[in-house]
Protein backbone atom coordinates (compact mmCIF):
# COMPACT_ATOMS: atom_id res chain seq x y z
CA MET A 1 -1.93 -13.20 8.58
CA SER A 2 -1.29 -9.97 6.87
CA TYR A 3 0.99 -9.28 4.14
CA LEU A 4 1.16 -5.73 5.06
CA ASP A 5 3.38 -3.96 7.18
CA ASP A 6 2.09 -0.97 9.36
CA ASP A 7 3.44 1.48 7.08
CA GLU A 8 1.57 -0.01 4.33
CA LEU A 9 -1.69 0.04 6.15
CA ARG A 10 -1.29 3.65 7.05
CA LYS A 11 -1.28 4.55 3.29
CA PHE A 12 -4.38 2.53 2.62
CA ALA A 13 -6.04 4.19 5.45
CA LEU A 14 -4.82 7.77 3.98
CA ALA A 15 -6.19 6.97 0.88
CA ALA A 16 -9.42 6.23 2.19
CA ASP A 17 -9.67 9.38 4.20
CA LEU A 18 -8.61 11.13 1.26
CA LEU A 19 -11.53 9.33 -0.96
CA LEU A 20 -14.21 9.79 1.69
CA LYS A 21 -13.63 13.11 2.78
CA VAL A 22 -11.73 15.21 0.27
CA ALA A 23 -12.91 13.80 -2.95
CA ASP A 24 -16.51 13.67 -0.95
CA LEU A 25 -17.01 9.79 -1.90
CA ASP A 26 -20.43 8.13 -0.68
CA GLN A 27 -19.91 5.85 1.95
CA SER A 28 -21.56 2.88 0.11
CA LEU A 29 -19.79 3.61 -3.30
CA PHE A 30 -16.33 3.29 -1.38
CA ALA A 31 -17.19 0.24 0.16
CA GLU A 32 -18.21 -1.14 -3.20
CA LEU A 33 -15.11 -0.06 -4.73
CA GLN A 34 -13.08 -1.62 -1.89
CA LYS A 35 -14.85 -4.89 -2.28
CA ALA A 36 -13.87 -4.74 -5.89
CA VAL A 37 -10.54 -4.13 -4.86
CA ARG A 38 -10.19 -6.95 -2.85
CA THR A 39 -11.89 -9.49 -5.02
CA SER A 40 -9.99 -8.59 -7.91
CA THR A 41 -6.67 -8.45 -6.43
CA PRO A 42 -5.33 -11.87 -7.13
CA GLN A 43 -6.25 -11.62 -10.65
CA LEU A 44 -4.50 -8.40 -11.32
CA LEU A 45 -1.20 -9.80 -9.70
CA ARG A 46 -1.45 -12.54 -12.09
CA MET A 47 -2.32 -10.08 -14.76
CA THR A 48 0.78 -7.99 -14.06
CA ALA A 49 2.74 -11.01 -13.73
CA THR A 50 1.84 -12.23 -17.45
CA THR A 51 1.45 -8.82 -18.53
CA GLU A 52 -2.50 -9.90 -19.72
CA TRP A 53 -3.43 -6.22 -18.54
CA MET A 54 -1.33 -4.66 -21.49
CA PRO A 55 -3.58 -3.05 -24.20
CA SER A 56 -3.35 -4.07 -27.60
CA ARG A 57 -1.30 -1.81 -29.68
CA GLY A 58 -3.38 -2.79 -32.88
CA THR A 59 -0.34 -4.48 -34.10
């Protein structure tokens, strides 16, 4: 079951093309970045929902 619609999937494909072709990112580095994003997404979503990700302002 996919949570992304076709438009979102096209955006991800475009982002991948830009990173690999325009920014000349090495394929192995792209795979590592992709894996990191996929494995940290649930944690990032929780952090966003709870504002844990917000940096301290020193107060």
